[in-house]
Protein backbone atom coordinates (compact mmCIF):
# COMPACT_ATOMS: atom_id res chain seq x y z
CA UNK A 1 99.14 140.82 -172.70
CA UNK A 2 96.06 140.85 -170.51
CA UNK A 3 93.69 137.87 -170.56
CA UNK A 4 90.05 138.09 -169.53
CA UNK A 5 87.30 135.48 -169.60
CA UNK A 6 83.90 136.48 -170.97
CA UNK A 7 80.60 134.70 -171.47
CA UNK A 8 78.59 135.19 -174.63
CA UNK A 9 75.21 136.52 -173.51
CA UNK A 10 73.71 136.99 -176.94
CA UNK A 11 74.54 136.17 -180.53
CA UNK A 12 71.91 137.32 -183.01
CA UNK A 13 71.95 137.34 -186.78
CA UNK A 14 70.20 140.06 -188.80
CA UNK A 15 69.19 138.60 -192.17
CA UNK A 16 68.47 142.03 -193.63
CA UNK A 17 71.95 143.46 -192.96
CA UNK A 18 73.76 140.10 -193.03
CA UNK A 19 75.52 140.97 -189.77
CA UNK A 20 75.65 139.41 -186.34
CA UNK A 21 75.61 141.21 -183.01
CA UNK A 22 77.49 139.50 -180.20
CA UNK A 23 77.36 140.63 -176.57
CA UNK A 24 79.87 139.30 -174.03
CA UNK A 25 80.12 139.99 -170.29
CA UNK A 26 82.73 138.89 -167.75
CA UNK A 27 82.44 135.20 -166.80
CA UNK A 28 80.74 134.79 -163.44
CA UNK A 29 79.84 131.11 -163.18
CA UNK A 30 81.05 129.68 -159.85
CA UNK A 31 83.95 127.57 -161.11
CA UNK A 32 87.40 128.07 -159.62
CA UNK A 33 89.04 129.62 -162.69
CA UNK A 34 86.30 132.23 -162.98
CA UNK A 35 86.86 133.46 -159.43
CA UNK A 36 90.23 134.92 -160.43
CA UNK A 37 88.85 136.48 -163.60
CA UNK A 38 85.78 137.82 -161.77
CA UNK A 39 87.96 139.49 -159.13
CA UNK A 40 89.99 141.27 -161.84
CA UNK A 41 87.02 142.11 -164.09
CA UNK A 42 83.83 142.21 -162.00
CA UNK A 43 81.74 143.98 -164.63
CA UNK A 44 81.79 145.19 -168.19
CA UNK A 45 80.54 144.43 -171.65
CA UNK A 46 81.94 143.84 -175.11
CA UNK A 47 79.56 144.35 -178.01
CA UNK A 48 80.63 143.33 -181.51
CA UNK A 49 78.97 143.78 -184.86
CA UNK A 50 80.41 141.12 -187.16
CA UNK A 51 80.15 141.00 -190.93
CA UNK A 52 82.35 137.93 -191.43
CA UNK A 53 79.71 135.24 -191.07
CA UNK A 54 82.18 132.43 -190.46
CA UNK A 55 83.47 134.29 -187.42
CA UNK A 56 80.00 135.35 -186.31
CA UNK A 57 78.72 131.79 -186.12
CA UNK A 58 81.61 130.78 -183.82
CA UNK A 59 79.91 132.64 -180.96
CA UNK A 60 77.32 130.71 -178.95
CA UNK A 61 75.18 132.03 -176.12
CA UNK A 62 76.25 130.82 -172.65
CA UNK A 63 79.68 129.74 -173.87
CA UNK A 64 82.85 131.19 -172.32
CA UNK A 65 85.62 132.82 -174.36
CA UNK A 66 89.06 134.10 -173.49
CA UNK A 67 89.73 137.63 -174.67
CA UNK A 68 93.38 138.65 -175.02
CA UNK A 69 94.39 142.30 -175.06
CA UNK A 70 97.83 143.06 -176.49
CA UNK A 71 99.12 146.60 -176.95
CA UNK A 72 99.78 147.54 -180.56
CA UNK A 73 103.25 148.84 -181.27
CA UNK A 74 103.08 152.16 -183.10
CA UNK A 75 105.13 152.16 -186.27
CA UNK A 76 105.52 155.94 -186.03
CA UNK A 77 106.82 156.19 -182.45
CA UNK A 78 108.00 152.61 -181.89
CA UNK A 79 106.08 152.59 -178.63
CA UNK A 80 103.51 150.16 -177.31
């Protein structure tokens, strides 16, 4: 598993499509924990379009989130 720390830059809701767009970038605020994350992930962006409104409203601008990446084991090859 790889853990990264991202900050929500934008969380907007589109009433017409009933979806939210969330944009996250690597955390860069000058607190000690972020220095390690910033060194490993100095730049990037995650953009999500979310249709599950309960999940969409969990994202708040300027709030930090951990993002965990775990390889998916293939059922066909039994490899990660």
